[in-house]
Amino acid sequence: MDIDLTEGLKALEPGKYTLEVWSIANEAKDWKVNKEIFWDGLSEENSKAEEKLLIEEALVTYVGLQDLNSIEVINESNEAEAMRLTEEVKPFFGELETETKITVFYIKIDGQKIIQSATKE
């Protein structure tokens, strides 16, 4: 499920936050998620943009580090793609073995996928 955080994050200072989301629908009353997110803030240019910030999730296969701030993965369409890292998630990838399946939670800013957190499958 995608969540639009554009309005809520605009007022926050950069930092680490815990996002808590739950359903109020009767058929999904037990659905609840707590997720840490790392907000780098919006530049003046991005704050004026109409682009919405959504936390998205993807199951990918880890290929390796591209540089100190990016990784390469194989997505579900079997295509290679690059993803940016926040400072907080870099340790997770430091010792991760290639060809490991992981779930990544990311936001898109200026077309770049920026990983907020990740877990091994």
PDB file of N, CA and C in Angstrom:
ATOM      1  N   MET A   1       0.841  -1.161   0.000  1.00  0.00           N
ATOM      2  CA  MET A   1       0.000   0.000   0.000  1.00  0.00           C
ATOM      3  C   MET A   1       0.896   1.236   0.000  1.00  0.00           C
ATOM      4  N   ASP A   2       0.666   2.141  -0.916  1.00  0.00           N
ATOM      5  CA  ASP A   2       1.426   3.380  -0.976  1.00  0.00           C
ATOM      6  C   ASP A   2       0.825   4.400  -0.018  1.00  0.00           C
ATOM      7  N   ILE A   3       1.679   5.176   0.599  1.00  0.00           N
ATOM      8  CA  ILE A   3       1.250   6.215   1.530  1.00  0.00           C
ATOM      9  C   ILE A   3       1.860   7.530   1.072  1.00  0.00           C
ATOM     10  N   ASP A   4       1.033   8.538   0.907  1.00  0.00           N
ATOM     11  CA  ASP A   4       1.507   9.847   0.487  1.00  0.00           C
ATOM     12  C   ASP A   4       1.926  10.636   1.721  1.00  0.00           C
ATOM     13  N   LEU A   5       3.235  10.891   1.846  1.00  0.00           N
ATOM     14  CA  LEU A   5       3.771  11.607   3.012  1.00  0.00           C
ATOM     15  C   LEU A   5       4.151  13.050   2.700  1.00  0.00           C
ATOM     16  N   THR A   6       3.841  13.519   1.523  1.00  0.00           N
ATOM     17  CA  THR A   6       4.289  14.830   1.079  1.00  0.00           C
ATOM     18  C   THR A   6       3.967  15.929   2.084  1.00  0.00           C
ATOM     19  N   GLU A   7       2.731  16.053   2.450  1.00  0.00           N
ATOM     20  CA  GLU A   7       2.335  17.148   3.341  1.00  0.00           C
ATOM     21  C   GLU A   7       2.924  16.989   4.737  1.00  0.00           C
ATOM     22  N   GLY A   8       2.882  15.792   5.282  1.00  0.00           N
ATOM     23  CA  GLY A   8       3.365  15.564   6.639  1.00  0.00           C
ATOM     24  C   GLY A   8       4.852  15.790   6.802  1.00  0.00           C
ATOM     25  N   LEU A   9       5.643  15.406   5.811  1.00  0.00           N
ATOM     26  CA  LEU A   9       7.091  15.535   5.929  1.00  0.00           C
ATOM     27  C   LEU A   9       7.587  16.959   5.700  1.00  0.00           C
ATOM     28  N   LYS A  10       6.840  17.756   4.970  1.00  0.00           N
ATOM     29  CA  LYS A  10       7.285  19.123   4.674  1.00  0.00           C
ATOM     30  C   LYS A  10       7.605  19.915   5.939  1.00  0.00           C
ATOM     31  N   ALA A  11       6.860  19.675   6.991  1.00  0.00           N
ATOM     32  CA  ALA A  11       7.018  20.461   8.211  1.00  0.00           C
ATOM     33  C   ALA A  11       8.095  19.910   9.139  1.00  0.00           C
ATOM     34  N   LEU A  12       8.647  18.750   8.823  1.00  0.00           N
ATOM     35  CA  LEU A  12       9.613  18.116   9.715  1.00  0.00           C
ATOM     36  C   LEU A  12      11.053  18.471   9.377  1.00  0.00           C
ATOM     37  N   GLU A  13      11.850  18.556  10.402  1.00  0.00           N
ATOM     38  CA  GLU A  13      13.292  18.728  10.229  1.00  0.00           C
ATOM     39  C   GLU A  13      13.880  17.400   9.757  1.00  0.00           C
ATOM     40  N   PRO A  14      15.019  17.430   9.079  1.00  0.00           N
ATOM     41  CA  PRO A  14      15.676  16.170   8.704  1.00  0.00           C
ATOM     42  C   PRO A  14      15.983  15.340   9.946  1.00  0.00           C
ATOM     43  N   GLY A  15      15.849  14.013   9.825  1.00  0.00           N
ATOM     44  CA  GLY A  15      16.150  13.136  10.948  1.00  0.00           C
ATOM     45  C   GLY A  15      15.479  11.789  10.808  1.00  0.00           C
ATOM     46  N   LYS A  16      15.573  11.005  11.866  1.00  0.00           N
ATOM     47  CA  LYS A  16      14.982   9.665  11.892  1.00  0.00           C
ATOM     48  C   LYS A  16      13.626   9.742  12.587  1.00  0.00           C
ATOM     49  N   TYR A  17      12.620   9.126  11.965  1.00  0.00           N
ATOM     50  CA  TYR A  17      11.264   9.136  12.498  1.00  0.00           C
ATOM     51  C   TYR A  17      10.689   7.732  12.456  1.00  0.00           C
ATOM     52  N   THR A  18       9.719   7.477  13.316  1.00  0.00           N
ATOM     53  CA  THR A  18       8.973   6.230  13.261  1.00  0.00           C
ATOM     54  C   THR A  18       7.588   6.540  12.716  1.00  0.00           C
ATOM     55  N   LEU A  19       7.264   5.883  11.628  1.00  0.00           N
ATOM     56  CA  LEU A  19       5.968   6.042  10.986  1.00  0.00           C
ATOM     57  C   LEU A  19       5.078   4.905  11.467  1.00  0.00           C
ATOM     58  N   GLU A  20       3.925   5.228  12.013  1.00  0.00           N
ATOM     59  CA  GLU A  20       2.986   4.218  12.466  1.00  0.00           C
ATOM     60  C   GLU A  20       1.711   4.372  11.657  1.00  0.00           C
ATOM     61  N   VAL A  21       1.313   3.293  10.986  1.00  0.00           N
ATOM     62  CA  VAL A  21       0.147   3.328  10.115  1.00  0.00           C
ATOM     63  C   VAL A  21      -0.770   2.178  10.487  1.00  0.00           C
ATOM     64  N   TRP A  22      -2.073   2.452  10.560  1.00  0.00           N
ATOM     65  CA  TRP A  22      -3.023   1.394  10.841  1.00  0.00           C
ATOM     66  C   TRP A  22      -4.291   1.655  10.052  1.00  0.00           C
ATOM     67  N   SER A  23      -5.047   0.586   9.857  1.00  0.00           N
ATOM     68  CA  SER A  23      -6.290   0.672   9.105  1.00  0.00           C
ATOM     69  C   SER A  23      -7.446   0.935  10.055  1.00  0.00           C
ATOM     70  N   ILE A  24      -8.411   1.717   9.588  1.00  0.00           N
ATOM     71  CA  ILE A  24      -9.629   1.926  10.365  1.00  0.00           C
ATOM     72  C   ILE A  24     -10.801   1.159   9.747  1.00  0.00           C
ATOM     73  N   ALA A  25     -10.529   0.416   8.668  1.00  0.00           N
ATOM     74  CA  ALA A  25     -11.568  -0.398   8.042  1.00  0.00           C
ATOM     75  C   ALA A  25     -11.854  -1.622   8.917  1.00  0.00           C
ATOM     76  N   ASN A  26     -13.119  -1.970   9.079  1.00  0.00           N
ATOM     77  CA  ASN A  26     -13.493  -3.110   9.931  1.00  0.00           C
ATOM     78  C   ASN A  26     -12.837  -4.403   9.486  1.00  0.00           C
ATOM     79  N   GLU A  27     -12.772  -4.641   8.181  1.00  0.00           N
ATOM     80  CA  GLU A  27     -12.203  -5.890   7.675  1.00  0.00           C
ATOM     81  C   GLU A  27     -10.682  -5.934   7.784  1.00  0.00           C
ATOM     82  N   ALA A  28     -10.058  -4.828   8.118  1.00  0.00           N
ATOM     83  CA  ALA A  28      -8.593  -4.783   8.237  1.00  0.00           C
ATOM     84  C   ALA A  28      -8.176  -4.123   9.548  1.00  0.00           C
ATOM     85  N   LYS A  29      -8.960  -4.291  10.582  1.00  0.00           N
ATOM     86  CA  LYS A  29      -8.700  -3.587  11.844  1.00  0.00           C
ATOM     87  C   LYS A  29      -7.404  -4.002  12.521  1.00  0.00           C
ATOM     88  N   ASP A  30      -6.872  -5.190  12.173  1.00  0.00           N
ATOM     89  CA  ASP A  30      -5.626  -5.650  12.777  1.00  0.00           C
ATOM     90  C   ASP A  30      -4.393  -5.265  11.967  1.00  0.00           C
ATOM     91  N   TRP A  31      -4.573  -4.573  10.878  1.00  0.00           N
ATOM     92  CA  TRP A  31      -3.437  -4.159  10.045  1.00  0.00           C
ATOM     93  C   TRP A  31      -2.759  -2.957  10.688  1.00  0.00           C
ATOM     94  N   LYS A  32      -1.510  -3.142  11.085  1.00  0.00           N
ATOM     95  CA  LYS A  32      -0.753  -2.055  11.704  1.00  0.00           C
ATOM     96  C   LYS A  32       0.718  -2.253  11.377  1.00  0.00           C
ATOM     97  N   VAL A  33       1.392  -1.172  11.035  1.00  0.00           N
ATOM     98  CA  VAL A  33       2.803  -1.233  10.669  1.00  0.00           C
ATOM     99  C   VAL A  33       3.536  -0.085  11.356  1.00  0.00           C
ATOM    100  N   ASN A  34       4.700  -0.397  11.936  1.00  0.00           N
ATOM    101  CA  ASN A  34       5.632   0.609  12.441  1.00  0.00           C
ATOM    102  C   ASN A  34       6.869   0.523  11.577  1.00  0.00           C
ATOM    103  N   LYS A  35       7.326   1.635  11.035  1.00  0.00           N
ATOM    104  CA  LYS A  35       8.484   1.627  10.149  1.00  0.00           C
ATOM    105  C   LYS A  35       9.325   2.859  10.418  1.00  0.00           C
ATOM    106  N   GLU A  36      10.641   2.640  10.603  1.00  0.00           N
ATOM    107  CA  GLU A  36      11.538   3.777  10.739  1.00  0.00           C
ATOM    108  C   GLU A  36      11.823   4.345   9.360  1.00  0.00           C
ATOM    109  N   ILE A  37      11.776   5.660   9.254  1.00  0.00           N
ATOM    110  CA  ILE A  37      12.153   6.318   8.007  1.00  0.00           C
ATOM    111  C   ILE A  37      13.209   7.365   8.320  1.00  0.00           C
ATOM    112  N   PHE A  38      14.027   7.654   7.339  1.00  0.00           N
ATOM    113  CA  PHE A  38      15.090   8.641   7.485  1.00  0.00           C
ATOM    114  C   PHE A  38      14.801   9.756   6.500  1.00  0.00           C
ATOM    115  N   TRP A  39      14.502  10.907   7.028  1.00  0.00           N
ATOM    116  CA  TRP A  39      14.102  12.057   6.220  1.00  0.00           C
ATOM    117  C   TRP A  39      15.279  13.010   6.108  1.00  0.00           C
ATOM    118  N   ASP A  40      15.757  13.223   4.872  1.00  0.00           N
ATOM    119  CA  ASP A  40      16.873  14.125   4.630  1.00  0.00           C
ATOM    120  C   ASP A  40      16.413  15.568   4.458  1.00  0.00           C
ATOM    121  N   GLY A  41      15.110  15.776   4.436  1.00  0.00           N
ATOM    122  CA  GLY A  41      14.571  17.118   4.248  1.00  0.00           C
ATOM    123  C   GLY A  41      14.375  17.416   2.780  1.00  0.00           C
ATOM    124  N   LEU A  42      13.725  18.512   2.516  1.00  0.00           N
ATOM    125  CA  LEU A  42      13.489  18.928   1.140  1.00  0.00           C
ATOM    126  C   LEU A  42      14.348  20.138   0.820  1.00  0.00           C
ATOM    127  N   SER A  43      14.990  20.088  -0.318  1.00  0.00           N
ATOM    128  CA  SER A  43      15.676  21.290  -0.782  1.00  0.00           C
ATOM    129  C   SER A  43      14.612  22.286  -1.195  1.00  0.00           C
ATOM    130  N   GLU A  44      14.982  23.516  -1.376  1.00  0.00           N
ATOM    131  CA  GLU A  44      14.014  24.529  -1.795  1.00  0.00           C
ATOM    132  C   GLU A  44      13.379  24.134  -3.115  1.00  0.00           C
ATOM    133  N   GLU A  45      14.190  23.584  -4.010  1.00  0.00           N
ATOM    134  CA  GLU A  45      13.679  23.160  -5.313  1.00  0.00           C
ATOM    135  C   GLU A  45      12.658  22.041  -5.160  1.00  0.00           C
ATOM    136  N   ASN A  46      12.968  21.031  -4.333  1.00  0.00           N
ATOM    137  CA  ASN A  46      12.054  19.916  -4.136  1.00  0.00           C
ATOM    138  C   ASN A  46      10.802  20.331  -3.379  1.00  0.00           C
ATOM    139  N   SER A  47      10.920  21.282  -2.466  1.00  0.00           N
ATOM    140  CA  SER A  47       9.749  21.680  -1.696  1.00  0.00           C
ATOM    141  C   SER A  47       8.721  22.378  -2.566  1.00  0.00           C
ATOM    142  N   LYS A  48       9.161  22.943  -3.682  1.00  0.00           N
ATOM    143  CA  LYS A  48       8.238  23.582  -4.607  1.00  0.00           C
ATOM    144  C   LYS A  48       7.668  22.602  -5.608  1.00  0.00           C
ATOM    145  N   ALA A  49       8.262  21.431  -5.690  1.00  0.00           N
ATOM    146  CA  ALA A  49       7.845  20.448  -6.683  1.00  0.00           C
ATOM    147  C   ALA A  49       6.489  19.865  -6.314  1.00  0.00           C
ATOM    148  N   GLU A  50       5.770  19.437  -7.331  1.00  0.00           N
ATOM    149  CA  GLU A  50       4.487  18.802  -7.121  1.00  0.00           C
ATOM    150  C   GLU A  50       4.633  17.306  -6.886  1.00  0.00           C
ATOM    151  N   GLU A  51       5.856  16.775  -7.010  1.00  0.00           N
ATOM    152  CA  GLU A  51       6.088  15.352  -6.852  1.00  0.00           C
ATOM    153  C   GLU A  51       5.721  14.920  -5.438  1.00  0.00           C
ATOM    154  N   LYS A  52       4.974  13.828  -5.338  1.00  0.00           N
ATOM    155  CA  LYS A  52       4.583  13.307  -4.042  1.00  0.00           C
ATOM    156  C   LYS A  52       5.626  12.308  -3.567  1.00  0.00           C
ATOM    157  N   LEU A  53       5.894  12.332  -2.282  1.00  0.00           N
ATOM    158  CA  LEU A  53       6.820  11.373  -1.688  1.00  0.00           C
ATOM    159  C   LEU A  53       6.019  10.198  -1.149  1.00  0.00           C
ATOM    160  N   LEU A  54       6.286   9.030  -1.696  1.00  0.00           N
ATOM    161  CA  LEU A  54       5.610   7.822  -1.267  1.00  0.00           C
ATOM    162  C   LEU A  54       6.652   6.833  -0.789  1.00  0.00           C
ATOM    163  N   ILE A  55       6.368   6.136   0.288  1.00  0.00           N
ATOM    164  CA  ILE A  55       7.224   5.031   0.686  1.00  0.00           C
ATOM    165  C   ILE A  55       6.777   3.839  -0.139  1.00  0.00           C
ATOM    166  N   GLU A  56       7.693   3.322  -0.937  1.00  0.00           N
ATOM    167  CA  GLU A  56       7.392   2.175  -1.774  1.00  0.00           C
ATOM    168  C   GLU A  56       8.241   0.998  -1.326  1.00  0.00           C
ATOM    169  N   GLU A  57       7.816  -0.183  -1.704  1.00  0.00           N
ATOM    170  CA  GLU A  57       8.484  -1.412  -1.289  1.00  0.00           C
ATOM    171  C   GLU A  57       8.769  -2.249  -2.522  1.00  0.00           C
ATOM    172  N   ALA A  58       9.934  -2.909  -2.546  1.00  0.00           N
ATOM    173  CA  ALA A  58      10.273  -3.790  -3.663  1.00  0.00           C
ATOM    174  C   ALA A  58      11.125  -4.944  -3.176  1.00  0.00           C
ATOM    175  N   LEU A  59      10.891  -6.111  -3.751  1.00  0.00           N
ATOM    176  CA  LEU A  59      11.737  -7.270  -3.510  1.00  0.00           C
ATOM    177  C   LEU A  59      12.772  -7.297  -4.623  1.00  0.00           C
ATOM    178  N   VAL A  60      14.049  -7.246  -4.254  1.00  0.00           N
ATOM    179  CA  VAL A  60      15.130  -7.170  -5.237  1.00  0.00           C
ATOM    180  C   VAL A  60      16.238  -8.141  -4.858  1.00  0.00           C
ATOM    181  N   THR A  61      17.139  -8.367  -5.816  1.00  0.00           N
ATOM    182  CA  THR A  61      18.328  -9.174  -5.562  1.00  0.00           C
ATOM    183  C   THR A  61      19.524  -8.236  -5.540  1.00  0.00           C
ATOM    184  N   TYR A  62      20.275  -8.265  -4.459  1.00  0.00           N
ATOM    185  CA  TYR A  62      21.428  -7.384  -4.269  1.00  0.00           C
ATOM    186  C   TYR A  62      22.576  -7.835  -5.172  1.00  0.00           C
ATOM    187  N   VAL A  63      23.122  -6.902  -5.966  1.00  0.00           N
ATOM    188  CA  VAL A  63      24.262  -7.184  -6.845  1.00  0.00           C
ATOM    189  C   VAL A  63      25.555  -6.715  -6.182  1.00  0.00           C
ATOM    190  N   GLY A  64      25.545  -5.481  -5.648  1.00  0.00           N
ATOM    191  CA  GLY A  64      26.732  -4.965  -4.982  1.00  0.00           C
ATOM    192  C   GLY A  64      26.721  -3.452  -4.903  1.00  0.00           C
ATOM    193  N   LEU A  65      27.752  -2.917  -4.256  1.00  0.00           N
ATOM    194  CA  LEU A  65      27.913  -1.471  -4.148  1.00  0.00           C
ATOM    195  C   LEU A  65      28.388  -0.904  -5.476  1.00  0.00           C
ATOM    196  N   GLN A  66      27.804   0.205  -5.902  1.00  0.00           N
ATOM    197  CA  GLN A  66      28.295   0.918  -7.078  1.00  0.00           C
ATOM    198  C   GLN A  66      29.346   1.937  -6.662  1.00  0.00           C
ATOM    199  N   ASP A  67      29.083   2.596  -5.548  1.00  0.00           N
ATOM    200  CA  ASP A  67      29.999   3.566  -4.960  1.00  0.00           C
ATOM    201  C   ASP A  67      29.620   3.678  -3.490  1.00  0.00           C
ATOM    202  N   LEU A  68      30.112   4.656  -2.777  1.00  0.00           N
ATOM    203  CA  LEU A  68      29.834   4.774  -1.346  1.00  0.00           C
ATOM    204  C   LEU A  68      28.369   5.098  -1.031  1.00  0.00           C
ATOM    205  N   ASN A  69      27.636   5.587  -2.033  1.00  0.00           N
ATOM    206  CA  ASN A  69      26.272   6.037  -1.789  1.00  0.00           C
ATOM    207  C   ASN A  69      25.208   5.302  -2.591  1.00  0.00           C
ATOM    208  N   SER A  70      25.597   4.301  -3.379  1.00  0.00           N
ATOM    209  CA  SER A  70      24.641   3.628  -4.261  1.00  0.00           C
ATOM    210  C   SER A  70      24.903   2.136  -4.331  1.00  0.00           C
ATOM    211  N   ILE A  71      23.816   1.400  -4.581  1.00  0.00           N
ATOM    212  CA  ILE A  71      23.934  -0.035  -4.815  1.00  0.00           C
ATOM    213  C   ILE A  71      23.307  -0.373  -6.161  1.00  0.00           C
ATOM    214  N   GLU A  72      23.634  -1.552  -6.653  1.00  0.00           N
ATOM    215  CA  GLU A  72      22.977  -2.083  -7.840  1.00  0.00           C
ATOM    216  C   GLU A  72      22.168  -3.286  -7.415  1.00  0.00           C
ATOM    217  N   VAL A  73      20.955  -3.389  -7.953  1.00  0.00           N
ATOM    218  CA  VAL A  73      20.069  -4.509  -7.666  1.00  0.00           C
ATOM    219  C   VAL A  73      19.456  -5.013  -8.968  1.00  0.00           C
ATOM    220  N   ILE A  74      18.919  -6.213  -8.902  1.00  0.00           N
ATOM    221  CA  ILE A  74      18.099  -6.745  -9.990  1.00  0.00           C
ATOM    222  C   ILE A  74      16.664  -6.710  -9.481  1.00  0.00           C
ATOM    223  N   ASN A  75      15.799  -6.004 -10.219  1.00  0.00           N
ATOM    224  CA  ASN A  75      14.418  -5.861  -9.763  1.00  0.00           C
ATOM    225  C   ASN A  75      13.568  -7.060 -10.188  1.00  0.00           C
ATOM    226  N   GLU A  76      12.280  -7.018  -9.853  1.00  0.00           N
ATOM    227  CA  GLU A  76      11.376  -8.126 -10.154  1.00  0.00           C
ATOM    228  C   GLU A  76      11.166  -8.340 -11.648  1.00  0.00           C
ATOM    229  N   SER A  77      11.489  -7.333 -12.460  1.00  0.00           N
ATOM    230  CA  SER A  77      11.405  -7.457 -13.924  1.00  0.00           C
ATOM    231  C   SER A  77      12.711  -7.981 -14.505  1.00  0.00           C
ATOM    232  N   ASN A  78      13.625  -8.397 -13.636  1.00  0.00           N
ATOM    233  CA  ASN A  78      14.936  -8.928 -14.019  1.00  0.00           C
ATOM    234  C   ASN A  78      15.815  -7.885 -14.721  1.00  0.00           C
ATOM    235  N   GLU A  79      15.651  -6.629 -14.304  1.00  0.00           N
ATOM    236  CA  GLU A  79      16.443  -5.526 -14.850  1.00  0.00           C
ATOM    237  C   GLU A  79      17.358  -4.965 -13.770  1.00  0.00           C
ATOM    238  N   ALA A  80      18.556  -4.591 -14.171  1.00  0.00           N
ATOM    239  CA  ALA A  80      19.490  -3.957 -13.231  1.00  0.00           C
ATOM    240  C   ALA A  80      19.079  -2.510 -13.021  1.00  0.00           C
ATOM    241  N   GLU A  81      19.186  -2.064 -11.777  1.00  0.00           N
ATOM    242  CA  GLU A  81      18.922  -0.656 -11.488  1.00  0.00           C
ATOM    243  C   GLU A  81      19.741  -0.208 -10.287  1.00  0.00           C
ATOM    244  N   ALA A  82      19.953   1.087 -10.209  1.00  0.00           N
ATOM    245  CA  ALA A  82      20.709   1.678  -9.104  1.00  0.00           C
ATOM    246  C   ALA A  82      19.733   2.248  -8.086  1.00  0.00           C
ATOM    247  N   MET A  83      20.142   2.176  -6.822  1.00  0.00           N
ATOM    248  CA  MET A  83      19.369   2.772  -5.733  1.00  0.00           C
ATOM    249  C   MET A  83      20.340   3.506  -4.821  1.00  0.00           C
ATOM    250  N   ARG A  84      19.917   4.681  -4.351  1.00  0.00           N
ATOM    251  CA  ARG A  84      20.747   5.492  -3.458  1.00  0.00           C
ATOM    252  C   ARG A  84      20.551   5.034  -2.020  1.00  0.00           C
ATOM    253  N   LEU A  85      21.567   5.295  -1.186  1.00  0.00           N
ATOM    254  CA  LEU A  85      21.530   4.907   0.221  1.00  0.00           C
ATOM    255  C   LEU A  85      21.514   6.138   1.115  1.00  0.00           C
ATOM    256  N   THR A  86      20.737   6.070   2.185  1.00  0.00           N
ATOM    257  CA  THR A  86      20.850   7.080   3.235  1.00  0.00           C
ATOM    258  C   THR A  86      21.987   6.636   4.156  1.00  0.00           C
ATOM    259  N   GLU A  87      22.495   7.544   4.938  1.00  0.00           N
ATOM    260  CA  GLU A  87      23.583   7.205   5.867  1.00  0.00           C
ATOM    261  C   GLU A  87      23.175   6.081   6.814  1.00  0.00           C
ATOM    262  N   GLU A  88      21.921   6.071   7.217  1.00  0.00           N
ATOM    263  CA  GLU A  88      21.451   5.112   8.201  1.00  0.00           C
ATOM    264  C   GLU A  88      21.408   3.682   7.663  1.00  0.00           C
ATOM    265  N   VAL A  89      21.234   3.481   6.366  1.00  0.00           N
ATOM    266  CA  VAL A  89      21.142   2.116   5.830  1.00  0.00           C
ATOM    267  C   VAL A  89      22.470   1.586   5.298  1.00  0.00           C
ATOM    268  N   LYS A  90      23.482   2.432   5.200  1.00  0.00           N
ATOM    269  CA  LYS A  90      24.775   1.980   4.676  1.00  0.00           C
ATOM    270  C   LYS A  90      25.345   0.781   5.430  1.00  0.00           C
ATOM    271  N   PRO A  91      25.274   0.730   6.769  1.00  0.00           N
ATOM    272  CA  PRO A  91      25.822  -0.441   7.475  1.00  0.00           C
ATOM    273  C   PRO A  91      25.155  -1.765   7.069  1.00  0.00           C
ATOM    274  N   PHE A  92      23.882  -1.738   6.755  1.00  0.00           N
ATOM    275  CA  PHE A  92      23.175  -2.951   6.329  1.00  0.00           C
ATOM    276  C   PHE A  92      23.830  -3.565   5.094  1.00  0.00           C
ATOM    277  N   PHE A  93      24.282  -2.721   4.175  1.00  0.00           N
ATOM    278  CA  PHE A  93      24.849  -3.200   2.918  1.00  0.00           C
ATOM    279  C   PHE A  93      26.350  -3.468   2.997  1.00  0.00           C
ATOM    280  N   GLY A  94      26.988  -3.050   4.075  1.00  0.00           N
ATOM    281  CA  GLY A  94      28.430  -3.228   4.209  1.00  0.00           C
ATOM    282  C   GLY A  94      28.886  -4.670   4.177  1.00  0.00           C
ATOM    283  N   GLU A  95      28.108  -5.563   4.748  1.00  0.00           N
ATOM    284  CA  GLU A  95      28.500  -6.974   4.816  1.00  0.00           C
ATOM    285  C   GLU A  95      27.506  -7.888   4.107  1.00  0.00           C
ATOM    286  N   LEU A  96      26.605  -7.321   3.333  1.00  0.00           N
ATOM    287  CA  LEU A  96      25.596  -8.110   2.641  1.00  0.00           C
ATOM    288  C   LEU A  96      26.217  -8.857   1.465  1.00  0.00           C
ATOM    289  N   GLU A  97      25.928 -10.143   1.368  1.00  0.00           N
ATOM    290  CA  GLU A  97      26.478 -10.953   0.283  1.00  0.00           C
ATOM    291  C   GLU A  97      25.708 -10.708  -1.008  1.00  0.00           C
ATOM    292  N   THR A  98      26.439 -10.781  -2.131  1.00  0.00           N
ATOM    293  CA  THR A  98      25.783 -10.620  -3.423  1.00  0.00           C
ATOM    294  C   THR A  98      24.783 -11.755  -3.627  1.00  0.00           C
ATOM    295  N   GLU A  99      23.805 -11.481  -4.456  1.00  0.00           N
ATOM    296  CA  GLU A  99      22.715 -12.402  -4.797  1.00  0.00           C
ATOM    297  C   GLU A  99      21.781 -12.697  -3.635  1.00  0.00           C
ATOM    298  N   THR A 100      21.811 -11.849  -2.599  1.00  0.00           N
ATOM    299  CA  THR A 100      20.874 -11.971  -1.489  1.00  0.00           C
ATOM    300  C   THR A 100      19.577 -11.271  -1.865  1.00  0.00           C
ATOM    301  N   LYS A 101      18.455 -11.931  -1.618  1.00  0.00           N
ATOM    302  CA  LYS A 101      17.148 -11.304  -1.844  1.00  0.00           C
ATOM    303  C   LYS A 101      16.835 -10.414  -0.645  1.00  0.00           C
ATOM    304  N   ILE A 102      16.456  -9.187  -0.936  1.00  0.00           N
ATOM    305  CA  ILE A 102      16.118  -8.236   0.118  1.00  0.00           C
ATOM    306  C   ILE A 102      14.847  -7.477  -0.254  1.00  0.00           C
ATOM    307  N   THR A 103      14.171  -6.994   0.770  1.00  0.00           N
ATOM    308  CA  THR A 103      13.054  -6.080   0.562  1.00  0.00           C
ATOM    309  C   THR A 103      13.548  -4.694   0.920  1.00  0.00           C
ATOM    310  N   VAL A 104      13.372  -3.754   0.001  1.00  0.00           N
ATOM    311  CA  VAL A 104      13.794  -2.376   0.240  1.00  0.00           C
ATOM    312  C   VAL A 104      12.561  -1.481   0.337  1.00  0.00           C
ATOM    313  N   PHE A 105      12.640  -0.510   1.228  1.00  0.00           N
ATOM    314  CA  PHE A 105      11.608   0.509   1.382  1.00  0.00           C
ATOM    315  C   PHE A 105      12.265   1.822   0.979  1.00  0.00           C
ATOM    316  N   TYR A 106      11.691   2.508   0.011  1.00  0.00           N
ATOM    317  CA  TYR A 106      12.353   3.665  -0.559  1.00  0.00           C
ATOM    318  C   TYR A 106      11.368   4.770  -0.900  1.00  0.00           C
ATOM    319  N   ILE A 107      11.917   5.961  -1.075  1.00  0.00           N
ATOM    320  CA  ILE A 107      11.161   7.089  -1.615  1.00  0.00           C
ATOM    321  C   ILE A 107      11.828   7.504  -2.913  1.00  0.00           C
ATOM    322  N   LYS A 108      11.097   8.195  -3.758  1.00  0.00           N
ATOM    323  CA  LYS A 108      11.661   8.699  -5.014  1.00  0.00           C
ATOM    324  C   LYS A 108      11.761  10.223  -4.928  1.00  0.00           C
ATOM    325  N   ILE A 109      12.948  10.722  -5.208  1.00  0.00           N
ATOM    326  CA  ILE A 109      13.160  12.163  -5.307  1.00  0.00           C
ATOM    327  C   ILE A 109      13.927  12.406  -6.594  1.00  0.00           C
ATOM    328  N   ASP A 110      13.392  13.246  -7.442  1.00  0.00           N
ATOM    329  CA  ASP A 110      13.995  13.555  -8.741  1.00  0.00           C
ATOM    330  C   ASP A 110      14.316  12.286  -9.528  1.00  0.00           C
ATOM    331  N   GLY A 111      13.422  11.309  -9.471  1.00  0.00           N
ATOM    332  CA  GLY A 111      13.584  10.082 -10.233  1.00  0.00           C
ATOM    333  C   GLY A 111      14.527   9.064  -9.610  1.00  0.00           C
ATOM    334  N   GLN A 112      15.192   9.406  -8.516  1.00  0.00           N
ATOM    335  CA  GLN A 112      16.104   8.473  -7.857  1.00  0.00           C
ATOM    336  C   GLN A 112      15.387   7.773  -6.715  1.00  0.00           C
ATOM    337  N   LYS A 113      15.603   6.462  -6.635  1.00  0.00           N
ATOM    338  CA  LYS A 113      15.049   5.685  -5.527  1.00  0.00           C
ATOM    339  C   LYS A 113      16.055   5.742  -4.371  1.00  0.00           C
ATOM    340  N   ILE A 114      15.589   6.248  -3.238  1.00  0.00           N
ATOM    341  CA  ILE A 114      16.464   6.424  -2.072  1.00  0.00           C
ATOM    342  C   ILE A 114      15.970   5.485  -0.974  1.00  0.00           C
ATOM    343  N   ILE A 115      16.795   4.503  -0.654  1.00  0.00           N
ATOM    344  CA  ILE A 115      16.404   3.469   0.301  1.00  0.00           C
ATOM    345  C   ILE A 115      16.369   4.047   1.713  1.00  0.00           C
ATOM    346  N   GLN A 116      15.251   3.814   2.374  1.00  0.00           N
ATOM    347  CA  GLN A 116      15.057   4.237   3.756  1.00  0.00           C
ATOM    348  C   GLN A 116      15.378   3.119   4.734  1.00  0.00           C
ATOM    349  N   SER A 117      15.055   1.888   4.344  1.00  0.00           N
ATOM    350  CA  SER A 117      15.365   0.716   5.161  1.00  0.00           C
ATOM    351  C   SER A 117      15.329  -0.520   4.263  1.00  0.00           C
ATOM    352  N   ALA A 118      15.874  -1.624   4.784  1.00  0.00           N
ATOM    353  CA  ALA A 118      15.900  -2.872   4.031  1.00  0.00           C
ATOM    354  C   ALA A 118      15.933  -4.044   4.987  1.00  0.00           C
ATOM    355  N   THR A 119      15.410  -5.180   4.526  1.00  0.00           N
ATOM    356  CA  THR A 119      15.433  -6.405   5.307  1.00  0.00           C
ATOM    357  C   THR A 119      15.808  -7.568   4.393  1.00  0.00           C
ATOM    358  N   LYS A 120      16.468  -8.578   4.962  1.00  0.00           N
ATOM    359  CA  LYS A 120      16.778  -9.792   4.217  1.00  0.00           C
ATOM    360  C   LYS A 120      15.542 -10.651   4.136  1.00  0.00           C
ATOM    361  N   GLU A 121      15.425 -11.370   3.033  1.00  0.00           N
ATOM    362  CA  GLU A 121      14.301 -12.310   2.883  1.00  0.00           C
ATOM    363  C   GLU A 121      14.678 -13.658   3.419  1.00  0.00           C
TER     364      GLU A 121
END
